[in-house]
Protein backbone atom coordinates (compact mmCIF):
# COMPACT_ATOMS: atom_id res chain seq x y z
CA MET A 1 0.21 0.15 0.06
CA THR A 2 1.32 3.45 -0.60
CA ARG A 3 1.25 5.81 2.27
CA PRO A 4 -1.43 8.35 2.50
CA THR A 5 -0.46 11.89 2.74
CA GLY A 6 -2.38 15.03 4.69
CA ILE A 7 -4.52 13.27 7.36
CA ASP A 8 -5.17 15.28 10.19
CA PRO A 9 -3.49 13.69 13.03
CA VAL A 10 -6.56 14.24 15.72
CA THR A 11 -8.68 12.31 12.95
CA LEU A 12 -6.57 9.46 12.21
CA GLU A 13 -6.54 8.77 16.11
CA VAL A 14 -10.30 9.39 16.59
CA VAL A 15 -10.91 6.62 13.97
CA ARG A 16 -8.18 4.56 15.01
CA CYS A 17 -9.67 4.52 18.58
CA ALA A 18 -13.16 4.41 17.12
CA LEU A 19 -12.70 0.81 15.31
CA VAL A 20 -10.93 -0.56 18.21
CA ALA A 21 -14.11 0.61 20.15
CA TYR A 22 -16.75 -0.94 17.72
CA SER A 23 -14.78 -4.10 18.04
CA ASP A 24 -15.09 -3.89 22.12
CA GLU A 25 -19.01 -2.80 21.34
CA MET A 26 -19.59 -6.11 18.90
CA ALA A 27 -17.99 -7.93 21.65
CA THR A 28 -19.96 -6.66 24.18
CA ALA A 29 -23.06 -7.21 22.25
CA LEU A 30 -21.94 -10.75 21.66
CA ARG A 31 -21.40 -11.83 25.22
CA ARG A 32 -24.82 -10.19 26.56
CA ALA A 33 -26.72 -12.57 23.56
CA ALA A 34 -24.77 -15.26 23.89
CA TYR A 35 -26.73 -18.75 25.42
CA ASN A 36 -23.50 -20.72 26.16
CA PRO A 37 -20.60 -19.93 29.51
CA MET A 38 -17.98 -20.22 27.53
CA ILE A 39 -18.85 -17.05 25.63
CA PHE A 40 -20.38 -15.25 28.33
CA GLU A 41 -18.23 -16.10 30.91
CA VAL A 42 -15.36 -17.58 29.68
CA GLN A 43 -15.14 -15.07 26.79
CA ASP A 44 -13.56 -17.71 24.13
CA TYR A 45 -14.08 -15.44 21.23
CA CYS A 46 -12.50 -12.17 19.48
CA VAL A 47 -14.26 -10.07 17.51
CA GLY A 48 -12.84 -7.70 14.59
CA LEU A 49 -12.84 -5.86 11.30
CA VAL A 50 -11.56 -7.14 8.37
CA ASP A 51 -10.85 -5.43 4.77
CA THR A 52 -12.18 -6.82 1.68
CA GLU A 53 -8.25 -8.10 1.13
CA GLY A 54 -8.95 -10.48 4.51
CA GLU A 55 -6.23 -8.56 6.13
CA LEU A 56 -7.04 -6.93 9.72
CA ILE A 57 -8.54 -3.73 10.59
CA ALA A 58 -9.21 -3.53 14.05
CA GLN A 59 -9.72 -6.37 16.90
CA ASN A 60 -11.52 -5.99 20.23
CA LEU A 61 -8.98 -5.66 23.20
CA GLY A 62 -10.43 -8.81 25.34
CA GLY A 63 -10.59 -12.27 23.81
CA LEU A 64 -7.87 -14.87 23.00
CA PRO A 65 -4.54 -13.72 21.56
CA ILE A 66 -4.09 -16.90 20.11
CA PHE A 67 -6.81 -15.85 17.48
CA LEU A 68 -4.74 -13.04 15.64
CA ALA A 69 -4.41 -15.00 12.59
CA ASP A 70 -7.83 -16.61 11.62
CA LEU A 71 -10.53 -14.18 11.29
CA GLY A 72 -9.22 -12.16 8.48
CA VAL A 73 -7.87 -16.27 6.51
CA SER A 74 -11.66 -17.31 7.15
CA VAL A 75 -12.65 -13.95 5.52
CA ALA A 76 -10.68 -13.86 2.94
CA ASP A 77 -11.66 -17.81 1.97
CA GLY A 78 -15.28 -16.26 1.24
CA ILE A 79 -14.57 -13.90 -0.60
CA GLU A 80 -12.01 -16.17 -3.09
CA ARG A 81 -15.27 -18.49 -3.04
CA HIS A 82 -18.16 -16.18 -3.51
CA GLY A 83 -16.46 -13.32 -4.94
CA LEU A 84 -17.03 -9.50 -3.73
CA GLU A 85 -19.82 -9.22 -6.23
CA GLY A 86 -21.38 -12.24 -4.47
CA PHE A 87 -22.24 -10.65 -1.58
CA GLU A 88 -25.23 -8.83 -0.80
CA PRO A 89 -26.75 -6.55 2.34
CA GLY A 90 -27.92 -8.82 5.09
CA ASP A 91 -25.93 -12.46 4.45
CA ALA A 92 -23.98 -13.77 7.20
CA LEU A 93 -21.81 -16.42 6.81
CA VAL A 94 -20.62 -18.98 9.01
CA MET A 95 -16.90 -20.64 8.89
CA ASN A 96 -15.05 -23.33 10.62
CA TYR A 97 -13.11 -25.42 7.72
CA PRO A 98 -9.91 -26.31 9.74
CA TYR A 99 -7.42 -26.03 7.07
CA VAL A 100 -7.99 -22.34 6.46
CA ALA A 101 -9.14 -21.72 10.08
CA GLY A 102 -6.64 -23.44 11.48
CA GLN A 103 -8.70 -24.69 14.79
CA HIS A 104 -10.82 -27.49 15.77
CA LEU A 105 -14.66 -27.04 14.80
CA ASN A 106 -15.88 -25.64 17.48
CA ASN A 107 -14.57 -22.31 17.06
CA VAL A 108 -16.87 -20.81 14.49
CA VAL A 109 -16.14 -17.56 12.80
CA VAL A 110 -19.44 -15.65 11.70
CA TYR A 111 -19.51 -12.43 9.49
CA THR A 112 -21.32 -10.31 7.03
CA PRO A 113 -20.73 -7.79 4.78
CA ILE A 114 -20.63 -4.09 5.34
CA PHE A 115 -21.93 -1.96 2.51
CA VAL A 116 -21.59 1.82 2.01
CA ASP A 117 -22.76 3.51 -1.21
CA GLY A 118 -23.73 -0.28 -2.28
CA LYS A 119 -19.95 -1.58 -2.26
CA VAL A 120 -18.47 -3.89 0.16
CA VAL A 121 -15.51 -1.47 2.21
CA ALA A 122 -15.52 -4.31 4.75
CA PHE A 123 -16.41 -7.42 7.26
CA PRO A 124 -17.57 -7.71 11.06
CA ALA A 125 -16.39 -11.05 12.18
CA VAL A 126 -16.43 -12.85 15.36
CA ARG A 127 -15.23 -15.91 16.49
CA ALA A 128 -16.62 -18.05 19.26
CA HIS A 129 -16.66 -21.35 20.75
CA TRP A 130 -19.54 -23.64 20.08
CA VAL A 131 -19.88 -25.80 23.21
CA ASP A 132 -20.86 -28.26 20.22
CA ILE A 133 -20.59 -28.74 16.46
CA GLY A 134 -21.35 -32.69 16.30
CA GLY A 135 -19.60 -35.39 15.16
CA SER A 136 -18.31 -37.54 18.02
CA ARG A 137 -16.15 -35.33 20.20
CA ILE A 138 -17.70 -33.57 23.03
CA GLY A 139 -16.38 -30.79 24.92
CA PHE A 140 -12.26 -30.47 25.83
CA GLY A 141 -9.46 -33.24 26.43
CA SER A 142 -11.24 -35.49 23.70
CA THR A 143 -8.03 -37.92 22.21
CA ALA A 144 -9.94 -40.26 20.51
CA THR A 145 -10.33 -38.50 17.26
CA THR A 146 -7.91 -39.22 14.48
CA ASP A 147 -9.50 -37.90 11.60
CA ILE A 148 -11.54 -34.42 11.18
CA TYR A 149 -15.02 -36.31 9.98
CA SER A 150 -15.49 -37.59 13.22
CA GLU A 151 -14.86 -34.06 15.06
CA GLY A 152 -17.88 -32.86 13.30
CA LEU A 153 -19.54 -30.48 10.63
CA GLN A 154 -17.12 -28.32 8.56
CA LEU A 155 -18.79 -25.33 7.31
CA ARG A 156 -16.63 -23.26 5.07
CA SER A 157 -18.06 -19.72 4.14
CA ILE A 158 -21.90 -20.82 4.40
CA LYS A 159 -24.36 -18.75 4.29
CA VAL A 160 -27.09 -19.14 6.83
CA MET A 161 -28.17 -15.70 5.75
CA LYS A 162 -28.95 -15.04 2.42
CA ALA A 163 -30.01 -10.61 1.92
CA GLY A 164 -31.95 -10.90 5.69
CA GLU A 165 -33.56 -14.32 5.67
CA TRP A 166 -32.44 -17.48 7.12
CA ASP A 167 -31.77 -20.54 5.09
CA ALA A 168 -34.48 -22.55 6.30
CA ASP A 169 -32.20 -25.70 4.90
CA VAL A 170 -29.00 -24.88 6.49
CA MET A 171 -30.19 -23.93 9.27
CA GLN A 172 -31.62 -27.88 9.85
CA ILE A 173 -29.29 -29.57 8.74
CA LEU A 174 -27.23 -27.44 11.86
CA LYS A 175 -30.25 -28.35 13.78
CA ASP A 176 -30.31 -31.93 13.31
CA ASN A 177 -26.76 -32.49 13.72
CA ILE A 178 -25.73 -30.72 16.93
CA ARG A 179 -26.42 -32.32 20.23
CA ILE A 180 -27.26 -28.96 21.96
CA PRO A 181 -28.76 -26.86 18.79
CA GLU A 182 -30.78 -24.41 21.25
CA SER A 183 -26.98 -23.30 22.60
CA SER A 184 -24.84 -23.39 19.67
CA LEU A 185 -28.20 -22.13 17.59
CA GLY A 186 -28.43 -19.28 20.58
CA ASP A 187 -24.83 -17.99 19.76
CA LEU A 188 -24.86 -17.85 16.25
CA ARG A 189 -27.52 -15.48 16.45
CA ALA A 190 -25.80 -13.64 19.18
CA ALA A 191 -22.63 -13.59 16.57
CA ILE A 192 -24.73 -12.24 13.95
CA ALA A 193 -26.41 -9.50 16.13
CA ALA A 194 -22.50 -8.17 16.82
CA CYS A 195 -21.81 -8.30 13.50
CA ARG A 196 -25.04 -6.17 12.50
CA LEU A 197 -23.56 -3.82 14.84
CA GLY A 198 -20.56 -3.38 13.21
CA GLU A 199 -22.21 -3.23 10.08
CA ARG A 200 -24.08 0.02 11.63
CA ARG A 201 -20.94 1.71 12.89
CA ILE A 202 -19.02 1.43 10.12
CA ALA A 203 -21.45 2.77 7.85
CA GLU A 204 -22.20 5.97 10.57
CA LEU A 205 -18.22 6.42 10.62
CA ALA A 206 -17.95 6.48 6.52
CA GLU A 207 -20.75 9.12 6.81
CA ARG A 208 -18.99 11.28 9.80
CA TYR A 209 -15.47 11.30 8.01
CA GLY A 210 -15.94 9.93 4.43
CA LEU A 211 -14.88 6.52 3.19
CA ASP A 212 -11.75 7.91 1.76
CA THR A 213 -10.57 9.07 4.70
CA VAL A 214 -11.19 6.38 6.94
CA MET A 215 -9.73 3.75 4.56
CA ALA A 216 -6.38 6.57 4.34
CA CYS A 217 -6.93 6.03 8.14
CA ILE A 218 -6.43 2.63 8.05
CA THR A 219 -3.37 2.55 5.52
CA GLU A 220 -2.02 4.83 8.14
CA MET A 221 -2.34 2.98 11.34
CA ARG A 222 -1.00 -0.03 9.56
CA ASP A 223 2.07 1.99 8.52
CA GLN A 224 2.40 2.99 11.89
CA SER A 225 2.12 -0.08 13.34
CA GLU A 226 4.82 -1.70 10.66
CA ARG A 227 7.09 1.48 11.95
CA LEU A 228 7.20 1.09 15.60
CA SER A 229 7.45 -3.14 14.78
CA ARG A 230 10.69 -2.77 13.37
CA HIS A 231 12.02 -0.47 15.56
CA ALA A 232 11.54 -3.28 18.23
CA VAL A 233 13.24 -6.00 16.44
CA ALA A 234 15.67 -3.63 15.55
CA GLN A 235 16.93 -3.65 19.49
CA MET A 236 17.10 -7.21 19.06
CA ALA A 237 20.62 -8.71 18.69
CA ASP A 238 20.78 -10.22 15.04
CA GLY A 239 21.58 -13.96 15.30
CA GLU A 240 20.31 -17.26 14.49
CA TYR A 241 18.42 -18.79 17.76
CA THR A 242 17.24 -22.25 18.73
CA ALA A 243 14.97 -23.61 21.40
CA SER A 244 13.12 -27.45 21.87
CA ALA A 245 10.27 -28.73 23.98
CA TRP A 246 7.70 -31.52 23.53
CA MET A 247 4.82 -32.63 24.16
CA ASP A 248 4.21 -35.76 26.10
CA ASN A 249 2.29 -37.76 23.00
CA ASP A 250 -0.69 -37.39 20.70
CA GLY A 251 -3.24 -39.27 22.69
CA GLN A 252 -3.39 -42.10 20.28
CA ASP A 253 0.57 -43.79 20.13
CA LEU A 254 1.15 -42.92 24.02
CA ASP A 255 4.72 -43.53 23.42
CA LYS A 256 6.00 -41.21 21.10
CA ARG A 257 6.85 -37.89 22.07
CA ILE A 258 5.84 -34.74 19.79
CA THR A 259 8.94 -32.51 19.50
CA LEU A 260 8.91 -28.95 19.25
CA ASP A 261 11.96 -27.69 17.02
CA LEU A 262 12.55 -24.40 16.14
CA LYS A 263 14.52 -21.54 14.88
CA VAL A 264 14.36 -17.89 14.89
CA ILE A 265 16.13 -15.82 13.11
CA VAL A 266 16.62 -11.76 13.92
CA LYS A 267 18.28 -9.57 10.89
CA GLY A 268 17.74 -6.34 11.26
CA GLU A 269 14.28 -5.25 11.18
CA GLU A 270 13.07 -8.30 10.24
CA LEU A 271 12.05 -11.40 12.37
CA THR A 272 11.89 -15.32 10.75
CA ILE A 273 10.36 -18.13 12.97
CA ASP A 274 11.39 -21.42 11.30
CA PHE A 275 9.14 -24.24 11.97
CA SER A 276 10.77 -26.74 9.48
CA ASP A 277 12.18 -29.33 11.76
CA ILE A 278 8.83 -29.21 14.06
CA ASN A 279 7.14 -32.71 14.50
CA GLU A 280 5.53 -34.11 11.53
CA GLN A 281 1.61 -34.01 11.81
CA VAL A 282 0.66 -36.34 14.28
CA LYS A 283 -2.16 -39.57 14.20
CA GLY A 284 -4.28 -38.02 17.01
CA PRO A 285 -6.14 -34.42 17.21
CA LEU A 286 -2.92 -32.14 18.31
CA ASN A 287 -2.56 -31.23 14.94
CA SER A 288 -3.67 -27.26 13.55
CA GLY A 289 -3.83 -26.01 10.30
CA LYS A 290 -1.02 -23.63 9.16
CA SER A 291 -2.96 -19.93 10.39
CA GLY A 292 -2.78 -22.47 13.74
CA GLY A 293 1.15 -22.28 13.35
CA VAL A 294 1.32 -18.72 12.26
CA ALA A 295 -0.84 -17.52 14.98
CA ALA A 296 1.46 -18.91 17.72
CA ALA A 297 4.50 -17.14 16.00
CA ARG A 298 2.08 -13.77 16.07
CA VAL A 299 1.26 -13.91 19.84
CA ALA A 300 4.95 -14.75 20.29
CA PHE A 301 5.81 -11.46 18.64
CA LYS A 302 3.72 -9.10 19.70
CA MET A 303 4.88 -9.85 23.17
CA LEU A 304 8.13 -9.41 22.33
CA THR A 305 7.68 -6.18 20.03
CA LEU A 306 4.10 -4.27 20.82
CA PRO A 307 2.23 -6.01 23.65
CA THR A 308 0.26 -2.66 24.11
CA HIS A 309 -0.01 -1.52 20.70
CA PRO A 310 -3.72 -2.17 19.33
CA VAL A 311 -3.49 -5.26 16.64
CA ASP A 312 -3.22 -4.68 13.00
CA GLU A 313 -2.31 -6.37 10.19
CA GLY A 314 0.98 -3.90 10.10
CA SER A 315 2.29 -4.97 13.28
CA PHE A 316 3.48 -8.30 11.48
CA ARG A 317 4.80 -7.11 8.16
CA ASN A 318 8.25 -8.19 8.70
CA LEU A 319 7.46 -11.17 11.02
CA HIS A 320 8.43 -13.81 8.59
CA VAL A 321 6.97 -17.87 9.18
CA ILE A 322 8.66 -20.59 7.53
CA LEU A 323 6.04 -23.86 8.39
CA PRO A 324 6.30 -26.86 5.64
CA GLU A 325 2.86 -28.38 4.99
CA GLY A 326 2.46 -31.81 6.68
CA LYS A 327 4.06 -30.73 9.83
CA LEU A 328 2.00 -30.70 13.44
CA LEU A 329 1.36 -27.12 13.14
CA ASN A 330 0.18 -26.65 9.07
CA ALA A 331 -1.57 -30.36 8.95
CA LYS A 332 -2.96 -31.74 5.84
CA SER A 333 -6.50 -33.14 5.68
CA PRO A 334 -7.85 -35.50 6.67
CA ALA A 335 -5.87 -34.74 10.27
CA ALA A 336 -7.52 -34.78 13.45
CA LEU A 337 -7.41 -30.93 14.88
CA GLY A 338 -9.69 -31.19 17.94
CA GLN A 339 -6.74 -30.45 20.23
CA TRP A 340 -5.29 -27.85 17.80
CA SER A 341 -4.76 -25.56 20.59
CA ILE A 342 -2.74 -28.16 23.45
CA SER A 343 0.79 -27.20 22.26
CA LEU A 344 0.48 -23.99 21.02
CA PRO A 345 1.17 -21.98 24.55
CA THR A 346 4.04 -24.31 24.72
CA VAL A 347 4.62 -23.66 21.02
CA VAL A 348 4.84 -19.67 22.01
CA ASP A 349 6.99 -20.03 25.24
CA THR A 350 9.66 -21.94 23.36
CA ILE A 351 10.02 -18.95 20.56
CA ILE A 352 9.99 -16.47 23.54
CA ARG A 353 12.98 -19.17 25.31
CA ALA A 354 15.11 -19.03 21.81
CA LEU A 355 15.53 -15.36 22.33
CA ALA A 356 16.48 -15.12 25.82
CA ASP A 357 20.02 -14.19 24.79
CA ALA A 358 18.58 -11.82 22.27
CA LEU A 359 16.76 -10.02 25.00
CA PRO A 360 18.68 -10.63 28.09
CA ASP A 361 16.56 -9.23 31.16
CA GLN A 362 13.96 -9.46 29.44
CA VAL A 363 12.40 -12.78 29.02
CA PRO A 364 10.26 -14.63 31.68
CA ALA A 365 10.73 -18.19 32.41
CA ALA A 366 8.22 -20.73 31.02
CA HIS A 367 4.58 -20.79 32.43
CA LYS A 368 1.91 -23.51 32.27
CA GLY A 369 2.44 -24.02 29.09
CA ASP A 370 -0.76 -25.97 27.97
CA MET A 371 -4.37 -24.47 27.54
CA SER A 372 -5.95 -27.17 30.60
CA GLY A 373 -9.81 -27.35 31.00
CA PHE A 374 -11.94 -30.06 31.71
CA THR A 375 -15.18 -31.67 30.46
CA PHE A 376 -18.05 -33.13 32.45
CA HIS A 377 -20.99 -34.06 30.23
CA GLY A 378 -24.24 -37.12 30.33
CA ILE A 379 -27.58 -36.93 31.03
CA ASP A 380 -29.20 -35.17 33.54
CA GLU A 381 -31.33 -37.00 35.98
CA LYS A 382 -33.70 -34.59 37.07
CA THR A 383 -34.16 -32.58 33.51
CA GLY A 384 -33.93 -35.50 31.29
CA SER A 385 -31.46 -32.94 29.21
CA ARG A 386 -28.18 -33.41 27.87
CA PHE A 387 -25.55 -31.23 29.29
CA VAL A 388 -21.98 -30.41 28.73
CA CYS A 389 -19.79 -28.57 31.19
CA LEU A 390 -16.82 -26.79 29.98
CA ASN A 391 -14.51 -24.57 32.13
CA ILE A 392 -10.68 -23.27 32.01
CA ASN A 393 -8.01 -23.92 34.94
CA GLY A 394 -5.70 -21.41 35.22
CA GLY A 395 -1.67 -22.30 36.40
CA GLY A 396 1.23 -20.75 37.08
CA TRP A 397 3.48 -18.18 34.84
CA GLY A 398 7.54 -17.75 34.93
CA GLY A 399 9.08 -15.79 37.25
CA ARG A 400 10.49 -12.57 35.17
CA PRO A 401 13.21 -10.53 35.46
CA VAL A 402 11.46 -7.48 37.65
CA GLY A 403 9.20 -10.36 40.15
CA ASP A 404 7.69 -13.54 40.71
CA GLY A 405 5.41 -15.17 37.84
CA PRO A 406 1.36 -14.51 37.89
CA SER A 407 -0.16 -17.15 39.41
CA ALA A 408 -3.97 -19.02 38.56
CA CYS A 409 -3.56 -17.86 34.88
CA VAL A 410 -4.76 -19.31 32.06
CA SER A 411 -2.13 -19.68 29.02
CA VAL A 412 -0.49 -16.76 27.32
CA CYS A 413 -2.93 -17.51 24.34
CA GLN A 414 -6.24 -17.66 26.03
CA GLY A 415 -5.58 -13.61 27.13
CA ASP A 416 -8.35 -12.70 28.81
CA VAL A 417 -10.32 -15.74 29.23
CA ARG A 418 -11.58 -16.58 32.57
CA ASN A 419 -13.06 -19.59 34.57
CA ILE A 420 -16.58 -20.02 34.75
CA PRO A 421 -17.48 -19.01 38.38
CA ILE A 422 -18.31 -21.95 40.99
CA GLU A 423 -21.83 -21.15 41.96
CA ILE A 424 -22.86 -20.80 37.93
CA GLN A 425 -21.17 -24.32 37.65
CA GLU A 426 -22.94 -25.99 40.53
CA ALA A 427 -26.49 -23.92 39.58
CA ARG A 428 -26.35 -25.34 35.92
CA TYR A 429 -24.75 -29.09 36.37
CA PRO A 430 -25.20 -31.67 38.73
CA LEU A 431 -21.46 -31.12 40.47
CA VAL A 432 -20.29 -29.80 43.17
CA PHE A 433 -16.83 -28.02 44.13
CA THR A 434 -15.25 -29.22 47.54
CA ARG A 435 -12.01 -26.95 47.03
CA HIS A 436 -10.39 -24.42 44.57
CA GLU A 437 -7.07 -23.26 46.17
CA LEU A 438 -3.79 -22.52 44.96
CA ARG A 439 -1.10 -25.22 44.88
CA ALA A 440 1.77 -25.09 47.37
CA ASP A 441 5.39 -25.63 45.99
CA SER A 442 4.14 -25.70 42.56
CA GLY A 443 5.97 -22.78 41.58
CA GLY A 444 9.57 -23.22 40.03
CA ALA A 445 11.92 -21.95 42.78
CA GLY A 446 13.88 -19.03 41.93
CA ARG A 447 15.27 -15.68 43.16
CA HIS A 448 12.12 -14.90 41.54
CA ARG A 449 9.57 -17.47 42.08
CA GLY A 450 7.20 -18.88 39.49
CA GLY A 451 3.39 -18.57 39.60
CA LEU A 452 1.35 -21.23 41.89
CA GLY A 453 -0.56 -23.63 40.00
CA LEU A 454 -4.79 -24.92 41.40
CA GLU A 455 -5.87 -27.79 42.92
CA ILE A 456 -9.53 -28.32 42.55
CA ASP A 457 -12.08 -30.95 43.92
CA VAL A 458 -14.73 -31.67 41.69
CA GLU A 459 -17.80 -34.56 43.04
CA PRO A 460 -20.23 -35.27 40.60
CA GLN A 461 -23.87 -35.48 42.08
CA GLN A 462 -24.88 -38.43 39.42
CA ALA A 463 -23.48 -40.84 36.83
CA MET A 464 -21.52 -38.85 33.93
CA PHE A 465 -18.38 -39.05 31.74
CA THR A 466 -15.41 -36.63 31.82
CA ASN A 467 -12.56 -36.36 29.47
CA ILE A 468 -8.67 -35.85 30.63
CA ALA A 469 -5.95 -35.17 28.66
CA ASN A 470 -2.98 -33.88 31.26
CA GLU A 471 -0.07 -32.47 29.07
CA ARG A 472 3.74 -31.45 29.45
CA THR A 473 4.00 -34.16 32.27
CA THR A 474 7.51 -34.64 31.04
CA CYS A 475 8.19 -31.40 29.89
CA PRO A 476 7.87 -29.20 32.90
CA PRO A 477 7.53 -25.93 32.60
CA TRP A 478 11.34 -24.44 32.56
CA GLY A 479 13.14 -22.31 34.75
CA LEU A 480 16.11 -19.75 33.54
CA ARG A 481 18.97 -17.86 34.72
CA GLY A 482 19.25 -20.77 36.90
CA GLY A 483 15.61 -21.02 38.47
CA GLN A 484 14.17 -24.41 38.63
CA ALA A 485 11.28 -25.88 36.74
CA GLY A 486 7.76 -25.67 38.10
CA ALA A 487 5.95 -28.47 38.68
CA VAL A 488 3.43 -30.94 35.79
CA ASN A 489 -0.07 -31.22 35.93
CA ASP A 490 -1.89 -33.94 37.65
CA THR A 491 -5.59 -35.27 37.63
CA ILE A 492 -6.54 -37.52 40.27
CA VAL A 493 -9.88 -39.92 40.10
CA THR A 494 -11.07 -41.19 43.10
CA GLN A 495 -14.53 -43.31 42.64
CA PRO A 496 -16.71 -44.58 44.99
CA GLY A 497 -14.93 -47.10 47.32
CA GLY A 498 -11.96 -47.27 45.64
CA GLN A 499 -8.31 -45.97 45.26
CA PRO A 500 -7.13 -42.65 44.01
CA GLU A 501 -5.81 -43.03 40.58
CA HIS A 502 -3.59 -40.75 38.34
CA VAL A 503 -4.83 -40.21 34.99
CA LYS A 504 -2.82 -38.77 32.13
CA LYS A 505 -5.54 -39.16 29.09
CA HIS A 506 -8.94 -40.49 29.36
CA THR A 507 -11.26 -39.84 27.07
CA GLY A 508 -15.60 -40.57 28.05
CA LEU A 509 -13.91 -42.01 31.47
CA ALA A 510 -17.17 -43.33 33.61
CA LEU A 511 -17.83 -40.97 36.94
CA GLN A 512 -20.25 -42.29 39.24
CA ALA A 513 -22.19 -40.24 42.38
CA GLY A 514 -19.80 -40.12 45.11
CA SER A 515 -16.67 -40.28 42.63
CA LYS A 516 -14.48 -37.24 43.04
CA VAL A 517 -11.93 -35.74 40.47
CA THR A 518 -8.65 -33.28 41.54
CA PHE A 519 -6.92 -31.19 39.37
CA ARG A 520 -3.74 -29.98 40.22
CA THR A 521 -2.53 -27.72 37.31
CA ALA A 522 1.33 -26.77 36.62
CA GLY A 523 2.89 -23.94 38.12
CA GLY A 524 5.59 -21.58 36.48
CA GLY A 525 9.26 -21.67 36.14
CA GLY A 526 11.62 -20.21 38.48
CA TRP A 527 13.79 -17.35 37.31
CA GLY A 528 17.37 -16.87 38.81
CA VAL A 529 18.85 -19.25 41.32
CA PRO A 530 17.03 -19.64 44.30
CA VAL A 531 19.36 -19.18 47.16
CA GLU A 532 19.27 -15.59 46.12
CA ARG A 533 15.66 -14.57 46.86
CA PRO A 534 15.83 -12.75 49.80
CA ALA A 535 14.74 -15.08 52.99
CA ASP A 536 12.38 -12.69 54.48
CA ASP A 537 10.49 -13.55 50.91
CA VAL A 538 11.19 -17.05 51.12
CA ALA A 539 9.16 -16.89 55.11
CA GLU A 540 6.03 -14.52 53.61
CA ASP A 541 5.75 -17.30 50.82
CA VAL A 542 5.62 -19.95 53.86
CA ARG A 543 3.39 -17.81 55.61
CA ASP A 544 0.59 -17.68 52.40
CA GLY A 545 0.69 -21.03 51.92
CA PHE A 546 2.57 -20.83 48.78
CA VAL A 547 5.63 -22.64 49.69
CA THR A 548 5.89 -25.09 52.77
CA ALA A 549 8.23 -25.10 55.32
CA ASP A 550 10.69 -27.67 53.48
CA ALA A 551 10.90 -26.93 50.21
CA ALA A 552 11.51 -23.51 51.92
CA ARG A 553 14.63 -25.55 53.47
CA GLU A 554 15.65 -27.99 50.35
CA LEU A 555 15.25 -25.52 47.68
CA TYR A 556 15.76 -21.88 49.26
CA GLY A 557 18.04 -22.63 51.84
CA VAL A 558 16.17 -20.73 54.16
CA VAL A 559 15.55 -22.27 58.33
CA LEU A 560 12.14 -20.98 60.09
CA THR A 561 11.61 -20.84 63.45
CA ALA A 562 8.91 -22.37 64.93
CA ASP A 563 6.78 -19.37 65.05
CA GLY A 564 7.73 -18.72 61.32
CA ARG A 565 10.85 -16.45 61.58
CA VAL A 566 14.29 -16.31 59.68
CA ASP A 567 16.48 -18.50 61.72
CA GLU A 568 19.18 -16.09 60.40
CA PRO A 569 22.44 -17.72 61.55
CA ALA A 570 21.03 -21.82 60.49
CA THR A 571 19.96 -20.12 57.22
CA GLY A 572 23.29 -18.47 56.59
CA ARG A 573 25.10 -22.20 57.09
CA LEU A 574 22.78 -23.60 54.86
CA ARG A 575 22.81 -21.25 52.05
CA ALA A 576 26.50 -21.35 52.12
CA THR A 577 26.43 -25.26 51.86
CA GLN A 578 23.81 -25.05 48.81
CA ALA A 579 26.26 -22.43 47.39
CA ASP A 580 29.47 -24.45 47.85
CA VAL A 581 27.44 -27.28 46.58
CA ALA A 582 26.36 -25.83 43.53
CA ARG A 583 29.75 -24.33 42.37
CA ARG A 584 31.40 -27.71 41.96
């Protein structure tokens, strides 16, 4: 694009803020009208505006960062299929085709055309997690699928509304193939309502300033983002950087690790992320489409360059992603993608780890590194209706050069996603929560301690099923600069009259009334040498229940008196001994 001239800077800033505000307003409309707690409580969605080239104009400030690559490609696919002349005012389209959108089928994009003076000028778009999309897969954590056809309906830019009228045949197909149609179709209507709001707002903006001025402002916004992004990369030391991590398995080949080997190349103002050596696509559902891999690269890039700047396409012009087809993050059809998101937080962490030497004292230790959550599903014995309870479990983030890692947070890929309040879950589903607390000693030891995971006890009140898909149990969240790794994920199932059993992966595990499921989520890695943590801070951690007295002694070299104070002479001797051992 050529750079426009003569734009009033005040007008530019008003337009910039308006576009972001419209996206946020659309998100509010979606949240208020949605039927599904994954949308109105968890906020598992993103909302944005896309131009007629399929490039992002603006995105809401909340929602999931991992959706940074996908709204545009979804709309671009519809433009290619229908042509701009193939849209009419009042159209509404649904899109979840995974080898374009890159994600599991539950993440459905809804978009509509915006007409100004009889011409399509942009598209408001919503991606939100539907609780069901048909197929054999139910909820989170199912590792049983081995192809996309068993995972649900594939919808490739299908018009559910034509010129403002519902397509009755398409709606009948959706209704007949979704387990809980009142939820998913209610969410569809909510998404369309949000898009209609976006249509009105853009038309109002064009009327106020003129379409040419608005489009010129969009071009300048992107150019400004590009200049800022280039400046940020130019501050990194040139070079080739590598890092590796791995996932436990794909849920099918349980003894085979999934390797995540990658390279980051910094050269001047350009940054390239090379996924050529990442694992080939797998039999189980941990694959993603290409835009899933690109999204992971974008999340890491945005964190390291412009973390607080509004998102638009210009932010990524100097980012290059090498991702061959047939890889874990660019799988070919008919690969299963149901667990597409599981590896992406680890991919982001690994990219950041690779740049630890390029950005000394700016990179944190690893965080929990997965998108863990849970699913309970069955038939409610009181109402006879089917239920699917989904929720997100937080964990610890890595210690940072400037402080401890946050506790009980969702993954870096999930942004502002929240967990569903216990009161809502107990009111809607036959479940009782008897514990929801921070998990002591789960944060990796370090000068700056890793954040803590959670310990959650759930007791089903009737027979039902659950999916368990623990990951990163053999590749713990790593520490940096001498920090230690955080604790890994663990799930314990206790059936009535039985012994506690540690379960790593199980799809559709039958539970009886009176059973108990304990979720123990991962902590973050520590940053810096543990014995350099001030002894008073360790004592405070013990008082708060974050660290046990035994761990304080063994990991930090801090000895406490009976009343919880630091025994300074004993601590001095122990730390000197531990430092001597470390030097050897």
